[in-house]
PDB file of N, CA and C in Angstrom:
ATOM      1  N   MET A   1     -40.627 -97.155  47.708  1.00  0.00           N
ATOM      2  CA  MET A   1     -40.247 -96.435  46.513  1.00  0.00           C
ATOM      3  C   MET A   1     -41.060 -95.139  46.483  1.00  0.00           C
ATOM      4  N   ASP A   2     -40.384 -94.013  46.354  1.00  0.00           N
ATOM      5  CA  ASP A   2     -41.099 -92.739  46.320  1.00  0.00           C
ATOM      6  C   ASP A   2     -41.714 -92.505  44.940  1.00  0.00           C
ATOM      7  N   GLN A   3     -42.554 -91.477  44.840  1.00  0.00           N
ATOM      8  CA  GLN A   3     -43.284 -91.222  43.604  1.00  0.00           C
ATOM      9  C   GLN A   3     -42.350 -90.926  42.431  1.00  0.00           C
ATOM     10  N   GLU A   4     -41.299 -90.142  42.663  1.00  0.00           N
ATOM     11  CA  GLU A   4     -40.370 -89.807  41.575  1.00  0.00           C
ATOM     12  C   GLU A   4     -39.686 -91.058  41.034  1.00  0.00           C
ATOM     13  N   THR A   5     -39.291 -91.961  41.914  1.00  0.00           N
ATOM     14  CA  THR A   5     -38.647 -93.204  41.494  1.00  0.00           C
ATOM     15  C   THR A   5     -39.619 -94.055  40.681  1.00  0.00           C
ATOM     16  N   ARG A   6     -40.892 -94.115  41.118  1.00  0.00           N
ATOM     17  CA  ARG A   6     -41.894 -94.881  40.362  1.00  0.00           C
ATOM     18  C   ARG A   6     -42.091 -94.292  38.967  1.00  0.00           C
ATOM     19  N   ILE A   7     -42.132 -92.982  38.883  1.00  0.00           N
ATOM     20  CA  ILE A   7     -42.310 -92.330  37.579  1.00  0.00           C
ATOM     21  C   ILE A   7     -41.142 -92.670  36.665  1.00  0.00           C
ATOM     22  N   MET A   8     -39.910 -92.559  37.191  1.00  0.00           N
ATOM     23  CA  MET A   8     -38.726 -92.860  36.380  1.00  0.00           C
ATOM     24  C   MET A   8     -38.720 -94.330  35.947  1.00  0.00           C
ATOM     25  N   ALA A   9     -39.106 -95.220  36.855  1.00  0.00           N
ATOM     26  CA  ALA A   9     -39.128 -96.648  36.527  1.00  0.00           C
ATOM     27  C   ALA A   9     -40.118 -96.928  35.403  1.00  0.00           C
ATOM     28  N   ASN A  10     -41.228 -96.215  35.384  1.00  0.00           N
ATOM     29  CA  ASN A  10     -42.241 -96.427  34.350  1.00  0.00           C
ATOM     30  C   ASN A  10     -41.826 -95.842  33.003  1.00  0.00           C
ATOM     31  N   LEU A  11     -40.855 -94.940  32.978  1.00  0.00           N
ATOM     32  CA  LEU A  11     -40.410 -94.355  31.720  1.00  0.00           C
ATOM     33  C   LEU A  11     -39.533 -95.309  30.918  1.00  0.00           C
ATOM     34  N   LEU A  12     -38.962 -96.298  31.572  1.00  0.00           N
ATOM     35  CA  LEU A  12     -38.104 -97.259  30.883  1.00  0.00           C
ATOM     36  C   LEU A  12     -38.885 -98.526  30.555  1.00  0.00           C
ATOM     37  N   SER A  13     -38.720 -98.995  29.342  1.00  0.00           N
ATOM     38  CA  SER A  13     -39.353-100.257  28.950  1.00  0.00           C
ATOM     39  C   SER A  13     -38.519-101.414  29.486  1.00  0.00           C
ATOM     40  N   ASP A  14     -39.055-102.621  29.392  1.00  0.00           N
ATOM     41  CA  ASP A  14     -38.301-103.806  29.819  1.00  0.00           C
ATOM     42  C   ASP A  14     -36.994-103.919  29.042  1.00  0.00           C
ATOM     43  N   LYS A  15     -37.047-103.616  27.753  1.00  0.00           N
ATOM     44  CA  LYS A  15     -35.838-103.685  26.918  1.00  0.00           C
ATOM     45  C   LYS A  15     -34.810-102.649  27.385  1.00  0.00           C
ATOM     46  N   ASP A  16     -35.290-101.435  27.764  1.00  0.00           N
ATOM     47  CA  ASP A  16     -34.381-100.408  28.291  1.00  0.00           C
ATOM     48  C   ASP A  16     -33.684-100.900  29.551  1.00  0.00           C
ATOM     49  N   TRP A  17     -34.447-101.538  30.455  1.00  0.00           N
ATOM     50  CA  TRP A  17     -33.855-102.059  31.688  1.00  0.00           C
ATOM     51  C   TRP A  17     -32.822-103.139  31.371  1.00  0.00           C
ATOM     52  N   GLN A  18     -33.139-104.005  30.411  1.00  0.00           N
ATOM     53  CA  GLN A  18     -32.197-105.057  30.018  1.00  0.00           C
ATOM     54  C   GLN A  18     -30.901-104.462  29.473  1.00  0.00           C
ATOM     55  N   LYS A  19     -31.039-103.418  28.636  1.00  0.00           N
ATOM     56  CA  LYS A  19     -29.837-102.771  28.083  1.00  0.00           C
ATOM     57  C   LYS A  19     -29.017-102.118  29.192  1.00  0.00           C
ATOM     58  N   LEU A  20     -29.689-101.468  30.134  1.00  0.00           N
ATOM     59  CA  LEU A  20     -28.982-100.823  31.238  1.00  0.00           C
ATOM     60  C   LEU A  20     -28.229-101.858  32.059  1.00  0.00           C
ATOM     61  N   LEU A  21     -28.890-102.939  32.433  1.00  0.00           N
ATOM     62  CA  LEU A  21     -28.235-103.986  33.214  1.00  0.00           C
ATOM     63  C   LEU A  21     -27.066-104.600  32.454  1.00  0.00           C
ATOM     64  N   ARG A  22     -27.228-104.778  31.178  1.00  0.00           N
ATOM     65  CA  ARG A  22     -26.167-105.351  30.347  1.00  0.00           C
ATOM     66  C   ARG A  22     -24.931-104.441  30.320  1.00  0.00           C
ATOM     67  N   THR A  23     -25.152-103.132  30.173  1.00  0.00           N
ATOM     68  CA  THR A  23     -24.004-102.216  30.137  1.00  0.00           C
ATOM     69  C   THR A  23     -23.318-102.132  31.502  1.00  0.00           C
ATOM     70  N   ILE A  24     -24.079-102.245  32.575  1.00  0.00           N
ATOM     71  CA  ILE A  24     -23.466-102.272  33.914  1.00  0.00           C
ATOM     72  C   ILE A  24     -22.629-103.531  34.061  1.00  0.00           C
ATOM     73  N   GLU A  25     -23.185-104.675  33.686  1.00  0.00           N
ATOM     74  CA  GLU A  25     -22.464-105.948  33.797  1.00  0.00           C
ATOM     75  C   GLU A  25     -21.182-105.947  32.976  1.00  0.00           C
ATOM     76  N   ARG A  26     -21.177-105.293  31.840  1.00  0.00           N
ATOM     77  CA  ARG A  26     -19.997-105.248  30.970  1.00  0.00           C
ATOM     78  C   ARG A  26     -18.987-104.190  31.405  1.00  0.00           C
ATOM     79  N   GLY A  27     -19.315-103.429  32.450  1.00  0.00           N
ATOM     80  CA  GLY A  27     -18.399-102.408  32.929  1.00  0.00           C
ATOM     81  C   GLY A  27     -18.388-101.148  32.088  1.00  0.00           C
ATOM     82  N   LYS A  28     -19.410-100.949  31.288  1.00  0.00           N
ATOM     83  CA  LYS A  28     -19.484 -99.771  30.426  1.00  0.00           C
ATOM     84  C   LYS A  28     -20.392 -98.691  31.007  1.00  0.00           C
ATOM     85  N   CYS A  29     -20.929 -98.957  32.175  1.00  0.00           N
ATOM     86  CA  CYS A  29     -21.815 -98.009  32.844  1.00  0.00           C
ATOM     87  C   CYS A  29     -21.596 -98.164  34.347  1.00  0.00           C
ATOM     88  N   VAL A  30     -21.582 -97.081  35.044  1.00  0.00           N
ATOM     89  CA  VAL A  30     -21.366 -97.113  36.486  1.00  0.00           C
ATOM     90  C   VAL A  30     -22.672 -96.786  37.184  1.00  0.00           C
ATOM     91  N   LEU A  31     -23.065 -97.632  38.106  1.00  0.00           N
ATOM     92  CA  LEU A  31     -24.260 -97.383  38.890  1.00  0.00           C
ATOM     93  C   LEU A  31     -23.885 -96.490  40.066  1.00  0.00           C
ATOM     94  N   MET A  32     -24.496 -95.312  40.137  1.00  0.00           N
ATOM     95  CA  MET A  32     -24.235 -94.381  41.244  1.00  0.00           C
ATOM     96  C   MET A  32     -25.560 -94.072  41.913  1.00  0.00           C
ATOM     97  N   LEU A  33     -25.501 -93.890  43.219  1.00  0.00           N
ATOM     98  CA  LEU A  33     -26.714 -93.638  43.977  1.00  0.00           C
ATOM     99  C   LEU A  33     -26.981 -92.167  44.214  1.00  0.00           C
ATOM    100  N   GLY A  34     -26.135 -91.311  43.742  1.00  0.00           N
ATOM    101  CA  GLY A  34     -26.367 -89.890  43.916  1.00  0.00           C
ATOM    102  C   GLY A  34     -25.143 -89.178  44.449  1.00  0.00           C
ATOM    103  N   ALA A  35     -25.295 -87.895  44.644  1.00  0.00           N
ATOM    104  CA  ALA A  35     -24.169 -87.049  45.034  1.00  0.00           C
ATOM    105  C   ALA A  35     -23.631 -87.382  46.417  1.00  0.00           C
ATOM    106  N   ASP A  36     -24.440 -87.960  47.268  1.00  0.00           N
ATOM    107  CA  ASP A  36     -23.996 -88.232  48.628  1.00  0.00           C
ATOM    108  C   ASP A  36     -23.528 -89.662  48.841  1.00  0.00           C
ATOM    109  N   ILE A  37     -23.105 -90.300  47.761  1.00  0.00           N
ATOM    110  CA  ILE A  37     -22.571 -91.652  47.898  1.00  0.00           C
ATOM    111  C   ILE A  37     -21.368 -91.598  48.838  1.00  0.00           C
ATOM    112  N   PRO A  38     -21.298 -92.507  49.797  1.00  0.00           N
ATOM    113  CA  PRO A  38     -20.222 -92.438  50.790  1.00  0.00           C
ATOM    114  C   PRO A  38     -18.858 -92.738  50.188  1.00  0.00           C
ATOM    115  N   SER A  39     -17.840 -92.090  50.721  1.00  0.00           N
ATOM    116  CA  SER A  39     -16.481 -92.359  50.255  1.00  0.00           C
ATOM    117  C   SER A  39     -15.881 -93.537  51.000  1.00  0.00           C
ATOM    118  N   ASP A  40     -16.399 -93.829  52.192  1.00  0.00           N
ATOM    119  CA  ASP A  40     -15.890 -94.938  52.989  1.00  0.00           C
ATOM    120  C   ASP A  40     -17.021 -95.445  53.875  1.00  0.00           C
ATOM    121  N   THR A  41     -17.574 -96.591  53.541  1.00  0.00           N
ATOM    122  CA  THR A  41     -18.711 -97.094  54.307  1.00  0.00           C
ATOM    123  C   THR A  41     -18.315 -97.618  55.671  1.00  0.00           C
ATOM    124  N   ASP A  42     -17.024 -97.837  55.892  1.00  0.00           N
ATOM    125  CA  ASP A  42     -16.580 -98.302  57.203  1.00  0.00           C
ATOM    126  C   ASP A  42     -16.475 -97.161  58.205  1.00  0.00           C
ATOM    127  N   ASN A  43     -16.483 -95.933  57.717  1.00  0.00           N
ATOM    128  CA  ASN A  43     -16.359 -94.760  58.579  1.00  0.00           C
ATOM    129  C   ASN A  43     -17.544 -93.841  58.302  1.00  0.00           C
ATOM    130  N   VAL A  44     -18.551 -93.883  59.181  1.00  0.00           N
ATOM    131  CA  VAL A  44     -19.772 -93.101  58.950  1.00  0.00           C
ATOM    132  C   VAL A  44     -19.533 -91.601  59.023  1.00  0.00           C
ATOM    133  N   ASN A  45     -18.425 -91.175  59.595  1.00  0.00           N
ATOM    134  CA  ASN A  45     -18.122 -89.746  59.692  1.00  0.00           C
ATOM    135  C   ASN A  45     -17.379 -89.216  58.473  1.00  0.00           C
ATOM    136  N   GLN A  46     -17.037 -90.102  57.561  1.00  0.00           N
ATOM    137  CA  GLN A  46     -16.317 -89.702  56.350  1.00  0.00           C
ATOM    138  C   GLN A  46     -17.258 -88.937  55.421  1.00  0.00           C
ATOM    139  N   PRO A  47     -16.821 -87.821  54.848  1.00  0.00           N
ATOM    140  CA  PRO A  47     -17.688 -87.071  53.925  1.00  0.00           C
ATOM    141  C   PRO A  47     -17.970 -87.854  52.646  1.00  0.00           C
ATOM    142  N   SER A  48     -18.986 -87.418  51.919  1.00  0.00           N
ATOM    143  CA  SER A  48     -19.335 -88.048  50.646  1.00  0.00           C
ATOM    144  C   SER A  48     -18.232 -87.768  49.619  1.00  0.00           C
ATOM    145  N   LEU A  49     -18.253 -88.525  48.525  1.00  0.00           N
ATOM    146  CA  LEU A  49     -17.275 -88.300  47.455  1.00  0.00           C
ATOM    147  C   LEU A  49     -17.390 -86.896  46.880  1.00  0.00           C
ATOM    148  N   SER A  50     -18.621 -86.419  46.699  1.00  0.00           N
ATOM    149  CA  SER A  50     -18.775 -85.071  46.145  1.00  0.00           C
ATOM    150  C   SER A  50     -18.217 -84.023  47.099  1.00  0.00           C
ATOM    151  N   ALA A  51     -18.369 -84.226  48.416  1.00  0.00           N
ATOM    152  CA  ALA A  51     -17.808 -83.287  49.391  1.00  0.00           C
ATOM    153  C   ALA A  51     -16.278 -83.340  49.368  1.00  0.00           C
ATOM    154  N   LEU A  52     -15.716 -84.544  49.250  1.00  0.00           N
ATOM    155  CA  LEU A  52     -14.255 -84.669  49.180  1.00  0.00           C
ATOM    156  C   LEU A  52     -13.701 -83.992  47.928  1.00  0.00           C
ATOM    157  N   PHE A  53     -14.399 -84.162  46.804  1.00  0.00           N
ATOM    158  CA  PHE A  53     -13.961 -83.515  45.567  1.00  0.00           C
ATOM    159  C   PHE A  53     -14.072 -82.001  45.700  1.00  0.00           C
ATOM    160  N   ALA A  54     -15.156 -81.530  46.295  1.00  0.00           N
ATOM    161  CA  ALA A  54     -15.325 -80.089  46.513  1.00  0.00           C
ATOM    162  C   ALA A  54     -14.202 -79.538  47.384  1.00  0.00           C
ATOM    163  N   GLN A  55     -13.839 -80.257  48.432  1.00  0.00           N
ATOM    164  CA  GLN A  55     -12.747 -79.817  49.314  1.00  0.00           C
ATOM    165  C   GLN A  55     -11.429 -79.742  48.562  1.00  0.00           C
ATOM    166  N   LYS A  56     -11.183 -80.733  47.694  1.00  0.00           N
ATOM    167  CA  LYS A  56      -9.946 -80.742  46.906  1.00  0.00           C
ATOM    168  C   LYS A  56      -9.879 -79.520  45.990  1.00  0.00           C
ATOM    169  N   LEU A  57     -10.994 -79.214  45.339  1.00  0.00           N
ATOM    170  CA  LEU A  57     -11.027 -78.034  44.468  1.00  0.00           C
ATOM    171  C   LEU A  57     -10.884 -76.755  45.289  1.00  0.00           C
ATOM    172  N   ALA A  58     -11.556 -76.702  46.422  1.00  0.00           N
ATOM    173  CA  ALA A  58     -11.541 -75.496  47.271  1.00  0.00           C
ATOM    174  C   ALA A  58     -10.136 -75.162  47.739  1.00  0.00           C
ATOM    175  N   GLU A  59      -9.298 -76.172  47.927  1.00  0.00           N
ATOM    176  CA  GLU A  59      -7.911 -75.938  48.354  1.00  0.00           C
ATOM    177  C   GLU A  59      -7.134 -75.109  47.335  1.00  0.00           C
ATOM    178  N   GLN A  60      -7.574 -75.119  46.091  1.00  0.00           N
ATOM    179  CA  GLN A  60      -6.875 -74.401  45.022  1.00  0.00           C
ATOM    180  C   GLN A  60      -7.387 -72.969  44.839  1.00  0.00           C
ATOM    181  N   LEU A  61      -8.391 -72.592  45.603  1.00  0.00           N
ATOM    182  CA  LEU A  61      -9.043 -71.297  45.432  1.00  0.00           C
ATOM    183  C   LEU A  61      -8.769 -70.363  46.613  1.00  0.00           C
ATOM    184  N   PRO A  62      -8.866 -69.064  46.383  1.00  0.00           N
ATOM    185  CA  PRO A  62      -8.747 -68.116  47.493  1.00  0.00           C
ATOM    186  C   PRO A  62      -9.846 -68.401  48.526  1.00  0.00           C
ATOM    187  N   SER A  63      -9.493 -68.408  49.797  1.00  0.00           N
ATOM    188  CA  SER A  63     -10.452 -68.776  50.839  1.00  0.00           C
ATOM    189  C   SER A  63     -11.657 -67.840  50.893  1.00  0.00           C
ATOM    190  N   ASN A  64     -11.490 -66.585  50.485  1.00  0.00           N
ATOM    191  CA  ASN A  64     -12.620 -65.655  50.541  1.00  0.00           C
ATOM    192  C   ASN A  64     -13.653 -65.933  49.441  1.00  0.00           C
ATOM    193  N   ASP A  65     -13.357 -66.820  48.484  1.00  0.00           N
ATOM    194  CA  ASP A  65     -14.307 -67.175  47.430  1.00  0.00           C
ATOM    195  C   ASP A  65     -15.202 -68.346  47.824  1.00  0.00           C
ATOM    196  N   ILE A  66     -14.882 -69.015  48.913  1.00  0.00           N
ATOM    197  CA  ILE A  66     -15.588 -70.235  49.286  1.00  0.00           C
ATOM    198  C   ILE A  66     -16.412 -70.012  50.550  1.00  0.00           C
ATOM    199  N   PHE A  67     -17.711 -70.236  50.425  1.00  0.00           N
ATOM    200  CA  PHE A  67     -18.594 -70.130  51.582  1.00  0.00           C
ATOM    201  C   PHE A  67     -18.833 -71.490  52.216  1.00  0.00           C
ATOM    202  N   ASP A  68     -18.849 -72.534  51.397  1.00  0.00           N
ATOM    203  CA  ASP A  68     -19.048 -73.896  51.890  1.00  0.00           C
ATOM    204  C   ASP A  68     -18.180 -74.827  51.054  1.00  0.00           C
ATOM    205  N   ALA A  69     -17.071 -75.258  51.618  1.00  0.00           N
ATOM    206  CA  ALA A  69     -16.100 -76.087  50.894  1.00  0.00           C
ATOM    207  C   ALA A  69     -16.620 -77.496  50.621  1.00  0.00           C
ATOM    208  N   ASN A  70     -17.784 -77.861  51.148  1.00  0.00           N
ATOM    209  CA  ASN A  70     -18.365 -79.178  50.894  1.00  0.00           C
ATOM    210  C   ASN A  70     -19.426 -79.145  49.802  1.00  0.00           C
ATOM    211  N   ASP A  71     -19.773 -77.972  49.328  1.00  0.00           N
ATOM    212  CA  ASP A  71     -20.837 -77.786  48.335  1.00  0.00           C
ATOM    213  C   ASP A  71     -20.219 -77.792  46.935  1.00  0.00           C
ATOM    214  N   LEU A  72     -20.271 -78.949  46.273  1.00  0.00           N
ATOM    215  CA  LEU A  72     -19.594 -79.109  44.984  1.00  0.00           C
ATOM    216  C   LEU A  72     -20.069 -78.121  43.918  1.00  0.00           C
ATOM    217  N   PRO A  73     -21.365 -77.899  43.736  1.00  0.00           N
ATOM    218  CA  PRO A  73     -21.763 -76.912  42.710  1.00  0.00           C
ATOM    219  C   PRO A  73     -21.188 -75.519  42.990  1.00  0.00           C
ATOM    220  N   HIS A  74     -21.206 -75.094  44.239  1.00  0.00           N
ATOM    221  CA  HIS A  74     -20.659 -73.780  44.611  1.00  0.00           C
ATOM    222  C   HIS A  74     -19.156 -73.708  44.334  1.00  0.00           C
ATOM    223  N   VAL A  75     -18.438 -74.728  44.772  1.00  0.00           N
ATOM    224  CA  VAL A  75     -16.979 -74.738  44.612  1.00  0.00           C
ATOM    225  C   VAL A  75     -16.606 -74.843  43.131  1.00  0.00           C
ATOM    226  N   ALA A  76     -17.309 -75.677  42.374  1.00  0.00           N
ATOM    227  CA  ALA A  76     -17.018 -75.820  40.940  1.00  0.00           C
ATOM    228  C   ALA A  76     -17.254 -74.498  40.209  1.00  0.00           C
ATOM    229  N   GLN A  77     -18.319 -73.782  40.573  1.00  0.00           N
ATOM    230  CA  GLN A  77     -18.582 -72.483  39.958  1.00  0.00           C
ATOM    231  C   GLN A  77     -17.462 -71.500  40.293  1.00  0.00           C
ATOM    232  N   SER A  78     -17.015 -71.489  41.538  1.00  0.00           N
ATOM    233  CA  SER A  78     -15.903 -70.612  41.926  1.00  0.00           C
ATOM    234  C   SER A  78     -14.624 -70.996  41.200  1.00  0.00           C
ATOM    235  N   TYR A  79     -14.408 -72.292  41.039  1.00  0.00           N
ATOM    236  CA  TYR A  79     -13.231 -72.792  40.320  1.00  0.00           C
ATOM    237  C   TYR A  79     -13.224 -72.259  38.891  1.00  0.00           C
ATOM    238  N   LEU A  80     -14.369 -72.364  38.233  1.00  0.00           N
ATOM    239  CA  LEU A  80     -14.459 -71.881  36.852  1.00  0.00           C
ATOM    240  C   LEU A  80     -14.332 -70.364  36.785  1.00  0.00           C
ATOM    241  N   SER A  81     -14.908 -69.668  37.732  1.00  0.00           N
ATOM    242  CA  SER A  81     -14.838 -68.203  37.742  1.00  0.00           C
ATOM    243  C   SER A  81     -13.402 -67.716  37.926  1.00  0.00           C
ATOM    244  N   ASN A  82     -12.649 -68.379  38.774  1.00  0.00           N
ATOM    245  CA  ASN A  82     -11.272 -67.979  39.030  1.00  0.00           C
ATOM    246  C   ASN A  82     -10.330 -68.348  37.896  1.00  0.00           C
ATOM    247  N   ARG A  83     -10.705 -69.311  37.100  1.00  0.00           N
ATOM    248  CA  ARG A  83      -9.842 -69.751  36.008  1.00  0.00           C
ATOM    249  C   ARG A  83     -10.376 -69.282  34.655  1.00  0.00           C
ATOM    250  N   ILE A  84     -11.336 -68.410  34.678  1.00  0.00           N
ATOM    251  CA  ILE A  84     -11.913 -67.759  33.507  1.00  0.00           C
ATOM    252  C   ILE A  84     -12.234 -68.749  32.386  1.00  0.00           C
ATOM    253  N   GLY A  85     -13.177 -69.618  32.675  1.00  0.00           N
ATOM    254  CA  GLY A  85     -13.753 -70.460  31.640  1.00  0.00           C
ATOM    255  C   GLY A  85     -12.962 -71.671  31.210  1.00  0.00           C
ATOM    256  N   LEU A  86     -11.981 -72.111  31.958  1.00  0.00           N
ATOM    257  CA  LEU A  86     -11.234 -73.303  31.565  1.00  0.00           C
ATOM    258  C   LEU A  86     -11.950 -74.546  32.092  1.00  0.00           C
ATOM    259  N   ARG A  87     -13.049 -74.858  31.459  1.00  0.00           N
ATOM    260  CA  ARG A  87     -13.858 -75.994  31.866  1.00  0.00           C
ATOM    261  C   ARG A  87     -13.070 -77.301  31.764  1.00  0.00           C
ATOM    262  N   GLU A  88     -12.199 -77.383  30.788  1.00  0.00           N
ATOM    263  CA  GLU A  88     -11.413 -78.606  30.614  1.00  0.00           C
ATOM    264  C   GLU A  88     -10.559 -78.895  31.843  1.00  0.00           C
ATOM    265  N   ASP A  89     -10.049 -77.844  32.502  1.00  0.00           N
ATOM    266  CA  ASP A  89      -9.289 -78.039  33.747  1.00  0.00           C
ATOM    267  C   ASP A  89     -10.152 -78.719  34.804  1.00  0.00           C
ATOM    268  N   LEU A  90     -11.395 -78.267  34.916  1.00  0.00           N
ATOM    269  CA  LEU A  90     -12.318 -78.853  35.891  1.00  0.00           C
ATOM    270  C   LEU A  90     -12.610 -80.309  35.538  1.00  0.00           C
ATOM    271  N   GLU A  91     -12.787 -80.589  34.263  1.00  0.00           N
ATOM    272  CA  GLU A  91     -13.032 -81.965  33.827  1.00  0.00           C
ATOM    273  C   GLU A  91     -11.847 -82.865  34.156  1.00  0.00           C
ATOM    274  N   ILE A  92     -10.637 -82.360  33.943  1.00  0.00           N
ATOM    275  CA  ILE A  92      -9.426 -83.140  34.256  1.00  0.00           C
ATOM    276  C   ILE A  92      -9.327 -83.383  35.755  1.00  0.00           C
ATOM    277  N   GLU A  93      -9.626 -82.357  36.545  1.00  0.00           N
ATOM    278  CA  GLU A  93      -9.626 -82.515  38.007  1.00  0.00           C
ATOM    279  C   GLU A  93     -10.603 -83.616  38.421  1.00  0.00           C
ATOM    280  N   ALA A  94     -11.804 -83.610  37.832  1.00  0.00           N
ATOM    281  CA  ALA A  94     -12.822 -84.608  38.174  1.00  0.00           C
ATOM    282  C   ALA A  94     -12.370 -86.010  37.771  1.00  0.00           C
ATOM    283  N   GLU A  95     -11.855 -86.146  36.557  1.00  0.00           N
ATOM    284  CA  GLU A  95     -11.385 -87.458  36.098  1.00  0.00           C
ATOM    285  C   GLU A  95     -10.280 -87.995  36.995  1.00  0.00           C
ATOM    286  N   THR A  96      -9.342 -87.137  37.345  1.00  0.00           N
ATOM    287  CA  THR A  96      -8.224 -87.551  38.190  1.00  0.00           C
ATOM    288  C   THR A  96      -8.709 -87.955  39.577  1.00  0.00           C
ATOM    289  N   PHE A  97      -9.587 -87.152  40.154  1.00  0.00           N
ATOM    290  CA  PHE A  97     -10.090 -87.438  41.500  1.00  0.00           C
ATOM    291  C   PHE A  97     -10.866 -88.754  41.524  1.00  0.00           C
ATOM    292  N   TYR A  98     -11.818 -88.904  40.627  1.00  0.00           N
ATOM    293  CA  TYR A  98     -12.684 -90.083  40.663  1.00  0.00           C
ATOM    294  C   TYR A  98     -11.983 -91.349  40.184  1.00  0.00           C
ATOM    295  N   ARG A  99     -10.887 -91.219  39.451  1.00  0.00           N
ATOM    296  CA  ARG A  99     -10.119 -92.396  39.026  1.00  0.00           C
ATOM    297  C   ARG A  99      -9.654 -93.201  40.234  1.00  0.00           C
ATOM    298  N   ASP A 100      -9.296 -92.510  41.313  1.00  0.00           N
ATOM    299  CA  ASP A 100      -8.853 -93.200  42.530  1.00  0.00           C
ATOM    300  C   ASP A 100      -9.956 -94.061  43.146  1.00  0.00           C
ATOM    301  N   TYR A 101     -11.196 -93.753  42.836  1.00  0.00           N
ATOM    302  CA  TYR A 101     -12.331 -94.493  43.393  1.00  0.00           C
ATOM    303  C   TYR A 101     -12.964 -95.440  42.373  1.00  0.00           C
ATOM    304  N   GLN A 102     -12.335 -95.606  41.232  1.00  0.00           N
ATOM    305  CA  GLN A 102     -12.890 -96.397  40.146  1.00  0.00           C
ATOM    306  C   GLN A 102     -13.250 -97.815  40.574  1.00  0.00           C
ATOM    307  N   HIS A 103     -12.433 -98.430  41.379  1.00  0.00           N
ATOM    308  CA  HIS A 103     -12.678 -99.809  41.796  1.00  0.00           C
ATOM    309  C   HIS A 103     -13.157 -99.890  43.238  1.00  0.00           C
ATOM    310  N   HIS A 104     -13.535 -98.767  43.793  1.00  0.00           N
ATOM    311  CA  HIS A 104     -14.042 -98.700  45.162  1.00  0.00           C
ATOM    312  C   HIS A 104     -15.501 -99.145  45.168  1.00  0.00           C
ATOM    313  N   THR A 105     -15.809-100.128  45.969  1.00  0.00           N
ATOM    314  CA  THR A 105     -17.174-100.635  46.062  1.00  0.00           C
ATOM    315  C   THR A 105     -17.641-100.548  47.501  1.00  0.00           C
ATOM    316  N   THR A 106     -18.792 -99.957  47.685  1.00  0.00           N
ATOM    317  CA  THR A 106     -19.349 -99.882  49.043  1.00  0.00           C
ATOM    318  C   THR A 106     -19.942-101.225  49.416  1.00  0.00           C
ATOM    319  N   LYS A 107     -20.151-101.450  50.690  1.00  0.00           N
ATOM    320  CA  LYS A 107     -20.755-102.708  51.155  1.00  0.00           C
ATOM    321  C   LYS A 107     -22.133-102.898  50.532  1.00  0.00           C
ATOM    322  N   LEU A 108     -22.834-101.814  50.313  1.00  0.00           N
ATOM    323  CA  LEU A 108     -24.170-101.889  49.726  1.00  0.00           C
ATOM    324  C   LEU A 108     -24.135-102.538  48.347  1.00  0.00           C
ATOM    325  N   HIS A 109     -23.065-102.324  47.588  1.00  0.00           N
ATOM    326  CA  HIS A 109     -22.982-102.826  46.214  1.00  0.00           C
ATOM    327  C   HIS A 109     -22.276-104.178  46.096  1.00  0.00           C
ATOM    328  N   ARG A 110     -21.838-104.735  47.191  1.00  0.00           N
ATOM    329  CA  ARG A 110     -21.131-106.027  47.128  1.00  0.00           C
ATOM    330  C   ARG A 110     -22.089-107.179  47.119  1.00  0.00           C
TER     331      ARG A 110
END
């Protein structure tokens, strides 16, 4: 366990951990391991979910606006810049994309 993880673990009380586990068990909270969570654990060459989402958004943008189609923060910023502040469009894109993975479980989580 690295130092940052230890610090975060110490910030939560036992009751906080119990509440977190309870909400996960009830399906009201999703446990995610970070931006590089794999999209397919059976294929190690498959890009992460965030990279796949970035690629999907990048397809809708002029190619000269994208320097790295796998960099979600960069692509999302370009998406918003090209659509002049329609953040709700980006939110809908994210909801639609991640809905397909809602019941996707990696081997690590089984």
